[in-house]
Amino acid sequence: MKRVWIIGAAVLLAGVSMAQTTAPATQDELPWTQDYAAAMAQAAKDHQLVLLNFTGSDWCVPCKLLDRVVFASPEFRKWEEGRIVLVTLDFPARTPQDDAIKTRNKQLYDQYKVKGYPTILIITPEGKELARTEGVEDDKITAARWLADVQKQMAASGAGN
């Protein structure tokens, strides 16, 4: 019985080790900023849109799922590259955060009438909302499905894809 347990543990550890080395990238590898004002200015200057990611980075399981499945995907990277400025508006539970950032994030949360996490907005540099996603259906989320929803909303708002 001991031998089976040891072999099982070795297999499990090997699987964990492989998962850690082959896990998908996270949103950290994308050019995310926390500076809303600078992002809006850059978007205006470069004729880009802005993606606001209202997240709870250290506690929100659906937020982490969105990071892994959508934001780390090649489809998302191809879609956003050169056309979207990425902004993280984080509401962590355990990670220390500067009071000025907390205050600014709460103001934006209220301004954009966010109800929960994750909430993703695609906006113009002037602040006009073009698309919004709220929450994650964990058994159905794929990058393709998420992007199709956002693109459909953008087209309906007259922004195109």
N, C-alpha and C. Protein backbone atom coordinates (compact mmCIF):
# COMPACT_ATOMS: atom_id res chain seq x y z
N MET A 1 0.82 -1.18 0.00
CA MET A 1 0.00 0.00 0.00
C MET A 1 0.86 1.25 0.00
N LYS A 2 1.98 1.21 0.79
CA LYS A 2 2.88 2.35 0.85
C LYS A 2 3.46 2.67 -0.53
N ARG A 3 3.85 1.63 -1.26
CA ARG A 3 4.46 1.80 -2.57
C ARG A 3 3.49 2.50 -3.53
N VAL A 4 2.21 2.12 -3.51
CA VAL A 4 1.21 2.75 -4.37
C VAL A 4 1.09 4.23 -4.04
N TRP A 5 1.07 4.54 -2.74
CA TRP A 5 0.96 5.93 -2.32
C TRP A 5 2.18 6.73 -2.79
N ILE A 6 3.36 6.18 -2.64
CA ILE A 6 4.59 6.87 -3.04
C ILE A 6 4.60 7.09 -4.55
N ILE A 7 4.23 6.08 -5.32
CA ILE A 7 4.17 6.23 -6.77
C ILE A 7 3.13 7.27 -7.14
N GLY A 8 1.96 7.21 -6.49
CA GLY A 8 0.90 8.19 -6.75
C GLY A 8 1.37 9.60 -6.44
N ALA A 9 2.07 9.77 -5.33
CA ALA A 9 2.58 11.08 -4.94
C ALA A 9 3.60 11.57 -5.95
N ALA A 10 4.47 10.68 -6.42
CA ALA A 10 5.47 11.06 -7.41
C ALA A 10 4.81 11.50 -8.71
N VAL A 11 3.80 10.76 -9.14
CA VAL A 11 3.08 11.12 -10.36
C VAL A 11 2.40 12.47 -10.18
N LEU A 12 1.76 12.67 -9.03
CA LEU A 12 1.08 13.93 -8.75
C LEU A 12 2.07 15.08 -8.75
N LEU A 13 3.20 14.91 -8.08
CA LEU A 13 4.21 15.97 -8.03
C LEU A 13 4.76 16.27 -9.42
N ALA A 14 4.98 15.24 -10.21
CA ALA A 14 5.47 15.45 -11.58
C ALA A 14 4.45 16.23 -12.38
N GLY A 15 3.17 15.90 -12.20
CA GLY A 15 2.11 16.62 -12.90
C GLY A 15 2.04 18.07 -12.47
N VAL A 16 2.18 18.34 -11.16
CA VAL A 16 2.18 19.71 -10.67
C VAL A 16 3.36 20.46 -11.24
N SER A 17 4.53 19.82 -11.25
CA SER A 17 5.72 20.46 -11.79
C SER A 17 5.53 20.79 -13.26
N MET A 18 4.99 19.84 -14.03
CA MET A 18 4.75 20.10 -15.46
C MET A 18 3.74 21.21 -15.65
N ALA A 19 2.68 21.22 -14.83
CA ALA A 19 1.65 22.25 -14.96
C ALA A 19 2.25 23.62 -14.69
N GLN A 20 3.16 23.70 -13.75
CA GLN A 20 3.76 24.99 -13.42
C GLN A 20 4.64 25.49 -14.57
N THR A 21 5.29 24.59 -15.28
CA THR A 21 6.17 25.05 -16.34
C THR A 21 5.43 25.25 -17.66
N THR A 22 4.25 24.62 -17.79
CA THR A 22 3.54 24.75 -19.06
C THR A 22 2.25 25.56 -18.92
N ALA A 23 2.03 26.15 -17.75
CA ALA A 23 0.81 26.93 -17.53
C ALA A 23 0.78 28.11 -18.51
N PRO A 24 -0.42 28.53 -18.90
CA PRO A 24 -0.52 29.65 -19.82
C PRO A 24 -0.01 30.93 -19.17
N ALA A 25 0.33 31.86 -20.00
CA ALA A 25 0.81 33.15 -19.52
C ALA A 25 -0.31 33.86 -18.77
N THR A 26 0.06 34.86 -18.01
CA THR A 26 -0.94 35.66 -17.32
C THR A 26 -0.99 37.04 -17.95
N GLN A 27 -1.97 37.82 -17.50
CA GLN A 27 -2.09 39.16 -18.05
C GLN A 27 -0.85 40.00 -17.73
N ASP A 28 -0.04 39.58 -16.75
CA ASP A 28 1.15 40.35 -16.38
C ASP A 28 2.11 40.52 -17.56
N GLU A 29 2.05 39.62 -18.54
CA GLU A 29 2.96 39.71 -19.67
C GLU A 29 2.47 40.68 -20.74
N LEU A 30 1.26 41.17 -20.60
CA LEU A 30 0.73 42.18 -21.51
C LEU A 30 1.09 43.56 -20.96
N PRO A 31 1.01 44.60 -21.80
CA PRO A 31 1.38 45.95 -21.33
C PRO A 31 0.27 46.62 -20.53
N TRP A 32 -0.10 46.05 -19.37
CA TRP A 32 -1.13 46.62 -18.51
C TRP A 32 -0.56 47.80 -17.73
N THR A 33 -1.40 48.78 -17.48
CA THR A 33 -1.02 49.91 -16.63
C THR A 33 -2.11 50.09 -15.58
N GLN A 34 -1.76 50.72 -14.49
CA GLN A 34 -2.73 51.10 -13.48
C GLN A 34 -3.02 52.59 -13.55
N ASP A 35 -2.34 53.29 -14.43
CA ASP A 35 -2.45 54.75 -14.54
C ASP A 35 -3.55 55.11 -15.55
N TYR A 36 -4.75 55.30 -15.04
CA TYR A 36 -5.92 55.59 -15.87
C TYR A 36 -5.71 56.86 -16.70
N ALA A 37 -5.27 57.93 -16.06
CA ALA A 37 -5.11 59.22 -16.77
C ALA A 37 -4.09 59.10 -17.91
N ALA A 38 -2.98 58.46 -17.64
CA ALA A 38 -1.95 58.29 -18.68
C ALA A 38 -2.47 57.40 -19.80
N ALA A 39 -3.23 56.36 -19.45
CA ALA A 39 -3.80 55.47 -20.47
C ALA A 39 -4.77 56.21 -21.37
N MET A 40 -5.60 57.04 -20.79
CA MET A 40 -6.57 57.81 -21.58
C MET A 40 -5.83 58.78 -22.51
N ALA A 41 -4.80 59.41 -22.01
CA ALA A 41 -4.01 60.34 -22.82
C ALA A 41 -3.31 59.59 -23.96
N GLN A 42 -2.72 58.44 -23.65
CA GLN A 42 -2.05 57.64 -24.69
C GLN A 42 -3.04 57.19 -25.75
N ALA A 43 -4.21 56.75 -25.32
CA ALA A 43 -5.23 56.29 -26.26
C ALA A 43 -5.67 57.42 -27.19
N ALA A 44 -5.82 58.61 -26.65
CA ALA A 44 -6.21 59.76 -27.47
C ALA A 44 -5.11 60.09 -28.48
N LYS A 45 -3.88 60.09 -28.01
CA LYS A 45 -2.74 60.41 -28.88
C LYS A 45 -2.56 59.38 -29.99
N ASP A 46 -2.74 58.10 -29.65
CA ASP A 46 -2.49 57.02 -30.61
C ASP A 46 -3.75 56.52 -31.33
N HIS A 47 -4.88 57.18 -31.09
CA HIS A 47 -6.16 56.79 -31.71
C HIS A 47 -6.50 55.34 -31.41
N GLN A 48 -6.44 55.01 -30.11
CA GLN A 48 -6.73 53.66 -29.65
C GLN A 48 -7.93 53.68 -28.71
N LEU A 49 -8.43 52.51 -28.40
CA LEU A 49 -9.47 52.35 -27.40
C LEU A 49 -8.81 51.97 -26.08
N VAL A 50 -9.61 51.96 -25.02
CA VAL A 50 -9.11 51.62 -23.69
C VAL A 50 -9.93 50.45 -23.14
N LEU A 51 -9.24 49.46 -22.58
CA LEU A 51 -9.90 48.36 -21.90
C LEU A 51 -9.68 48.57 -20.41
N LEU A 52 -10.77 48.70 -19.66
CA LEU A 52 -10.70 48.83 -18.21
C LEU A 52 -11.03 47.48 -17.59
N ASN A 53 -10.11 46.94 -16.82
CA ASN A 53 -10.28 45.64 -16.18
C ASN A 53 -10.47 45.86 -14.68
N PHE A 54 -11.73 45.87 -14.23
CA PHE A 54 -12.05 45.98 -12.81
C PHE A 54 -11.92 44.58 -12.23
N THR A 55 -10.94 44.39 -11.36
CA THR A 55 -10.57 43.06 -10.91
C THR A 55 -10.24 43.03 -9.42
N GLY A 56 -10.31 41.87 -8.86
CA GLY A 56 -9.81 41.60 -7.52
C GLY A 56 -8.69 40.59 -7.66
N SER A 57 -7.52 41.08 -7.97
CA SER A 57 -6.42 40.23 -8.43
C SER A 57 -5.99 39.14 -7.46
N ASP A 58 -6.13 39.39 -6.17
CA ASP A 58 -5.62 38.40 -5.22
C ASP A 58 -6.71 37.58 -4.54
N TRP A 59 -7.95 37.73 -4.96
CA TRP A 59 -9.02 36.97 -4.32
C TRP A 59 -10.13 36.51 -5.26
N CYS A 60 -10.29 37.15 -6.40
CA CYS A 60 -11.43 36.91 -7.29
C CYS A 60 -11.13 35.75 -8.25
N VAL A 61 -11.72 34.59 -7.98
CA VAL A 61 -11.48 33.41 -8.81
C VAL A 61 -11.91 33.65 -10.26
N PRO A 62 -13.11 34.21 -10.52
CA PRO A 62 -13.47 34.47 -11.92
C PRO A 62 -12.52 35.44 -12.62
N CYS A 63 -11.97 36.40 -11.87
CA CYS A 63 -10.99 37.34 -12.45
C CYS A 63 -9.73 36.60 -12.90
N LYS A 64 -9.27 35.68 -12.05
CA LYS A 64 -8.09 34.89 -12.39
C LYS A 64 -8.36 33.99 -13.59
N LEU A 65 -9.56 33.46 -13.67
CA LEU A 65 -9.94 32.62 -14.80
C LEU A 65 -9.94 33.45 -16.09
N LEU A 66 -10.49 34.64 -16.04
CA LEU A 66 -10.50 35.53 -17.20
C LEU A 66 -9.07 35.84 -17.65
N ASP A 67 -8.20 36.10 -16.68
CA ASP A 67 -6.78 36.35 -17.00
C ASP A 67 -6.18 35.17 -17.75
N ARG A 68 -6.39 33.96 -17.21
CA ARG A 68 -5.79 32.75 -17.79
C ARG A 68 -6.38 32.39 -19.14
N VAL A 69 -7.71 32.41 -19.24
CA VAL A 69 -8.37 31.89 -20.43
C VAL A 69 -8.45 32.93 -21.55
N VAL A 70 -8.70 34.17 -21.21
CA VAL A 70 -8.89 35.20 -22.24
C VAL A 70 -7.64 36.04 -22.43
N PHE A 71 -7.23 36.76 -21.40
CA PHE A 71 -6.15 37.73 -21.55
C PHE A 71 -4.80 37.10 -21.90
N ALA A 72 -4.59 35.86 -21.51
CA ALA A 72 -3.32 35.18 -21.84
C ALA A 72 -3.38 34.46 -23.19
N SER A 73 -4.53 34.51 -23.85
CA SER A 73 -4.68 33.75 -25.10
C SER A 73 -4.06 34.47 -26.30
N PRO A 74 -3.59 33.71 -27.27
CA PRO A 74 -3.07 34.31 -28.50
C PRO A 74 -4.15 35.11 -29.24
N GLU A 75 -5.40 34.67 -29.16
CA GLU A 75 -6.49 35.39 -29.84
C GLU A 75 -6.65 36.79 -29.26
N PHE A 76 -6.62 36.89 -27.93
CA PHE A 76 -6.75 38.20 -27.30
C PHE A 76 -5.57 39.08 -27.64
N ARG A 77 -4.38 38.52 -27.55
CA ARG A 77 -3.16 39.29 -27.85
C ARG A 77 -3.19 39.84 -29.27
N LYS A 78 -3.62 39.02 -30.21
CA LYS A 78 -3.70 39.46 -31.60
C LYS A 78 -4.75 40.57 -31.76
N TRP A 79 -5.88 40.41 -31.08
CA TRP A 79 -6.99 41.37 -31.18
C TRP A 79 -6.62 42.72 -30.56
N GLU A 80 -5.97 42.72 -29.41
CA GLU A 80 -5.70 43.97 -28.71
C GLU A 80 -4.47 44.71 -29.21
N GLU A 81 -3.55 44.01 -29.81
CA GLU A 81 -2.26 44.59 -30.15
C GLU A 81 -2.37 45.82 -31.04
N GLY A 82 -1.87 46.93 -30.52
CA GLY A 82 -1.83 48.17 -31.29
C GLY A 82 -3.14 48.91 -31.39
N ARG A 83 -4.21 48.38 -30.75
CA ARG A 83 -5.49 49.07 -30.87
C ARG A 83 -6.15 49.35 -29.54
N ILE A 84 -5.62 48.74 -28.45
CA ILE A 84 -6.23 48.87 -27.13
C ILE A 84 -5.16 49.20 -26.10
N VAL A 85 -5.44 50.17 -25.24
CA VAL A 85 -4.60 50.44 -24.09
C VAL A 85 -5.24 49.69 -22.92
N LEU A 86 -4.45 48.87 -22.24
CA LEU A 86 -4.96 47.98 -21.19
C LEU A 86 -4.75 48.59 -19.81
N VAL A 87 -5.85 48.72 -19.06
CA VAL A 87 -5.79 49.33 -17.72
C VAL A 87 -6.36 48.37 -16.70
N THR A 88 -5.59 48.08 -15.66
CA THR A 88 -6.06 47.28 -14.54
C THR A 88 -6.49 48.21 -13.43
N LEU A 89 -7.73 48.05 -12.97
CA LEU A 89 -8.25 48.78 -11.83
C LEU A 89 -8.52 47.73 -10.75
N ASP A 90 -7.53 47.58 -9.88
CA ASP A 90 -7.50 46.45 -8.96
C ASP A 90 -8.12 46.81 -7.60
N PHE A 91 -8.80 45.83 -7.03
CA PHE A 91 -9.42 45.94 -5.72
C PHE A 91 -8.97 44.74 -4.90
N PRO A 92 -7.68 44.71 -4.53
CA PRO A 92 -7.16 43.54 -3.82
C PRO A 92 -7.65 43.47 -2.38
N ALA A 93 -7.67 42.26 -1.84
CA ALA A 93 -8.05 42.06 -0.44
C ALA A 93 -6.82 41.99 0.46
N ARG A 94 -5.74 41.41 -0.04
CA ARG A 94 -4.56 41.18 0.80
C ARG A 94 -3.33 41.96 0.35
N THR A 95 -3.26 42.31 -0.92
CA THR A 95 -2.09 42.99 -1.44
C THR A 95 -2.16 44.48 -1.10
N PRO A 96 -1.10 45.02 -0.48
CA PRO A 96 -1.11 46.45 -0.15
C PRO A 96 -1.27 47.31 -1.42
N GLN A 97 -1.99 48.41 -1.27
CA GLN A 97 -2.23 49.30 -2.40
C GLN A 97 -2.21 50.74 -1.89
N ASP A 98 -1.57 51.61 -2.64
CA ASP A 98 -1.49 53.03 -2.29
C ASP A 98 -2.90 53.62 -2.13
N ASP A 99 -3.09 54.47 -1.13
CA ASP A 99 -4.40 55.06 -0.87
C ASP A 99 -4.92 55.88 -2.04
N ALA A 100 -4.03 56.56 -2.76
CA ALA A 100 -4.47 57.36 -3.91
C ALA A 100 -5.02 56.46 -5.01
N ILE A 101 -4.40 55.30 -5.21
CA ILE A 101 -4.89 54.35 -6.22
C ILE A 101 -6.24 53.78 -5.78
N LYS A 102 -6.37 53.43 -4.50
CA LYS A 102 -7.64 52.93 -3.97
C LYS A 102 -8.76 53.93 -4.23
N THR A 103 -8.50 55.18 -3.91
CA THR A 103 -9.50 56.23 -4.07
C THR A 103 -9.87 56.41 -5.54
N ARG A 104 -8.86 56.47 -6.40
CA ARG A 104 -9.11 56.65 -7.84
C ARG A 104 -9.88 55.46 -8.41
N ASN A 105 -9.51 54.23 -8.02
CA ASN A 105 -10.20 53.05 -8.51
C ASN A 105 -11.66 53.04 -8.06
N LYS A 106 -11.92 53.44 -6.81
CA LYS A 106 -13.29 53.50 -6.31
C LYS A 106 -14.10 54.56 -7.07
N GLN A 107 -13.48 55.69 -7.38
CA GLN A 107 -14.17 56.72 -8.16
C GLN A 107 -14.55 56.19 -9.55
N LEU A 108 -13.65 55.47 -10.19
CA LEU A 108 -13.93 54.90 -11.51
C LEU A 108 -14.98 53.79 -11.41
N TYR A 109 -14.93 53.01 -10.34
CA TYR A 109 -15.93 51.97 -10.09
C TYR A 109 -17.32 52.61 -10.06
N ASP A 110 -17.43 53.71 -9.33
CA ASP A 110 -18.71 54.41 -9.23
C ASP A 110 -19.08 55.09 -10.54
N GLN A 111 -18.12 55.74 -11.18
CA GLN A 111 -18.36 56.46 -12.43
C GLN A 111 -18.92 55.53 -13.51
N TYR A 112 -18.35 54.34 -13.62
CA TYR A 112 -18.76 53.40 -14.65
C TYR A 112 -19.83 52.41 -14.17
N LYS A 113 -20.36 52.66 -12.97
CA LYS A 113 -21.47 51.86 -12.43
C LYS A 113 -21.17 50.35 -12.45
N VAL A 114 -19.99 50.02 -11.95
CA VAL A 114 -19.58 48.62 -11.86
C VAL A 114 -20.33 47.97 -10.71
N LYS A 115 -20.77 46.74 -10.93
CA LYS A 115 -21.55 46.02 -9.92
C LYS A 115 -20.80 44.86 -9.31
N GLY A 116 -19.71 44.42 -9.92
CA GLY A 116 -18.97 43.27 -9.40
C GLY A 116 -17.73 43.00 -10.23
N TYR A 117 -17.10 41.88 -9.91
CA TYR A 117 -15.83 41.53 -10.53
C TYR A 117 -15.93 40.17 -11.21
N PRO A 118 -15.26 39.97 -12.28
CA PRO A 118 -14.60 41.00 -13.09
C PRO A 118 -15.63 41.76 -13.93
N THR A 119 -15.36 43.02 -14.12
CA THR A 119 -16.11 43.82 -15.09
C THR A 119 -15.08 44.41 -16.03
N ILE A 120 -15.32 44.21 -17.32
CA ILE A 120 -14.42 44.70 -18.35
C ILE A 120 -15.20 45.69 -19.21
N LEU A 121 -14.62 46.87 -19.40
CA LEU A 121 -15.22 47.88 -20.27
C LEU A 121 -14.25 48.20 -21.40
N ILE A 122 -14.79 48.37 -22.58
CA ILE A 122 -14.03 48.93 -23.70
C ILE A 122 -14.62 50.32 -23.89
N ILE A 123 -13.76 51.33 -23.80
CA ILE A 123 -14.21 52.72 -23.90
C ILE A 123 -13.36 53.49 -24.89
N THR A 124 -13.90 54.61 -25.33
CA THR A 124 -13.13 55.53 -26.18
C THR A 124 -12.24 56.38 -25.28
N PRO A 125 -11.29 57.11 -25.84
CA PRO A 125 -10.45 58.00 -25.02
C PRO A 125 -11.27 59.11 -24.35
N GLU A 126 -12.48 59.34 -24.85
CA GLU A 126 -13.36 60.33 -24.24
C GLU A 126 -14.21 59.72 -23.12
N GLY A 127 -14.13 58.42 -22.94
CA GLY A 127 -14.85 57.75 -21.87
C GLY A 127 -16.17 57.13 -22.28
N LYS A 128 -16.50 57.14 -23.57
CA LYS A 128 -17.76 56.54 -24.02
C LYS A 128 -17.63 55.02 -24.01
N GLU A 129 -18.60 54.37 -23.37
CA GLU A 129 -18.59 52.91 -23.28
C GLU A 129 -19.04 52.28 -24.60
N LEU A 130 -18.22 51.35 -25.10
CA LEU A 130 -18.52 50.63 -26.33
C LEU A 130 -18.91 49.18 -26.08
N ALA A 131 -18.39 48.61 -25.00
CA ALA A 131 -18.68 47.21 -24.67
C ALA A 131 -18.45 46.99 -23.19
N ARG A 132 -19.19 46.01 -22.64
CA ARG A 132 -19.07 45.68 -21.21
C ARG A 132 -19.30 44.18 -21.04
N THR A 133 -18.42 43.55 -20.28
CA THR A 133 -18.67 42.18 -19.85
C THR A 133 -18.61 42.17 -18.33
N GLU A 134 -19.48 41.38 -17.74
CA GLU A 134 -19.54 41.28 -16.28
C GLU A 134 -19.54 39.82 -15.88
N GLY A 135 -18.65 39.47 -14.97
CA GLY A 135 -18.58 38.09 -14.51
C GLY A 135 -18.01 37.16 -15.55
N VAL A 136 -17.98 35.89 -15.19
CA VAL A 136 -17.44 34.85 -16.06
C VAL A 136 -18.27 33.59 -15.85
N GLU A 137 -18.74 33.01 -16.94
CA GLU A 137 -19.39 31.70 -16.86
C GLU A 137 -18.28 30.67 -17.02
N ASP A 138 -17.77 30.20 -15.89
CA ASP A 138 -16.55 29.38 -15.92
C ASP A 138 -16.64 28.12 -16.75
N ASP A 139 -17.81 27.56 -16.93
CA ASP A 139 -17.88 26.34 -17.72
C ASP A 139 -18.01 26.64 -19.22
N LYS A 140 -18.15 27.89 -19.58
CA LYS A 140 -18.36 28.24 -20.99
C LYS A 140 -17.34 29.23 -21.54
N ILE A 141 -16.51 29.80 -20.70
CA ILE A 141 -15.63 30.87 -21.18
C ILE A 141 -14.52 30.33 -22.08
N THR A 142 -14.38 31.00 -23.20
CA THR A 142 -13.23 30.80 -24.09
C THR A 142 -12.85 32.18 -24.60
N ALA A 143 -11.64 32.30 -25.05
CA ALA A 143 -11.21 33.59 -25.61
C ALA A 143 -12.07 33.95 -26.82
N ALA A 144 -12.34 32.97 -27.67
CA ALA A 144 -13.13 33.23 -28.88
C ALA A 144 -14.53 33.72 -28.53
N ARG A 145 -15.16 33.08 -27.57
CA ARG A 145 -16.52 33.48 -27.17
C ARG A 145 -16.52 34.87 -26.54
N TRP A 146 -15.54 35.15 -25.67
CA TRP A 146 -15.46 36.45 -25.02
C TRP A 146 -15.23 37.55 -26.06
N LEU A 147 -14.29 37.32 -26.96
CA LEU A 147 -14.00 38.31 -28.01
C LEU A 147 -15.20 38.52 -28.93
N ALA A 148 -15.91 37.46 -29.28
CA ALA A 148 -17.08 37.59 -30.13
C ALA A 148 -18.14 38.46 -29.47
N ASP A 149 -18.34 38.28 -28.17
CA ASP A 149 -19.31 39.10 -27.44
C ASP A 149 -18.89 40.57 -27.45
N VAL A 150 -17.63 40.83 -27.15
CA VAL A 150 -17.14 42.21 -27.13
C VAL A 150 -17.24 42.84 -28.52
N GLN A 151 -16.83 42.11 -29.54
CA GLN A 151 -16.89 42.65 -30.90
C GLN A 151 -18.32 42.93 -31.34
N LYS A 152 -19.25 42.08 -30.95
CA LYS A 152 -20.66 42.28 -31.27
C LYS A 152 -21.16 43.57 -30.62
N GLN A 153 -20.82 43.76 -29.37
CA GLN A 153 -21.23 44.98 -28.66
C GLN A 153 -20.60 46.23 -29.31
N MET A 154 -19.33 46.12 -29.66
CA MET A 154 -18.65 47.26 -30.28
C MET A 154 -19.28 47.60 -31.63
N ALA A 155 -19.61 46.59 -32.40
CA ALA A 155 -20.27 46.82 -33.70
C ALA A 155 -21.62 47.50 -33.49
N ALA A 156 -22.37 47.06 -32.48
CA ALA A 156 -23.68 47.65 -32.21
C ALA A 156 -23.55 49.11 -31.76
N SER A 157 -22.42 49.44 -31.14
CA SER A 157 -22.21 50.83 -30.70
C SER A 157 -21.65 51.71 -31.81
N GLY A 158 -21.38 51.09 -32.98
CA GLY A 158 -20.84 51.84 -34.10
C GLY A 158 -19.33 51.92 -34.13
N ALA A 159 -18.66 51.17 -33.24
CA ALA A 159 -17.21 51.23 -33.14
C ALA A 159 -16.50 50.25 -34.04
N GLY A 160 -17.23 49.30 -34.61
CA GLY A 160 -16.57 48.28 -35.44
C GLY A 160 -15.87 47.28 -34.59
N ASN A 161 -14.95 46.51 -35.20
CA ASN A 161 -14.23 45.46 -34.47
C ASN A 161 -12.81 45.89 -34.25
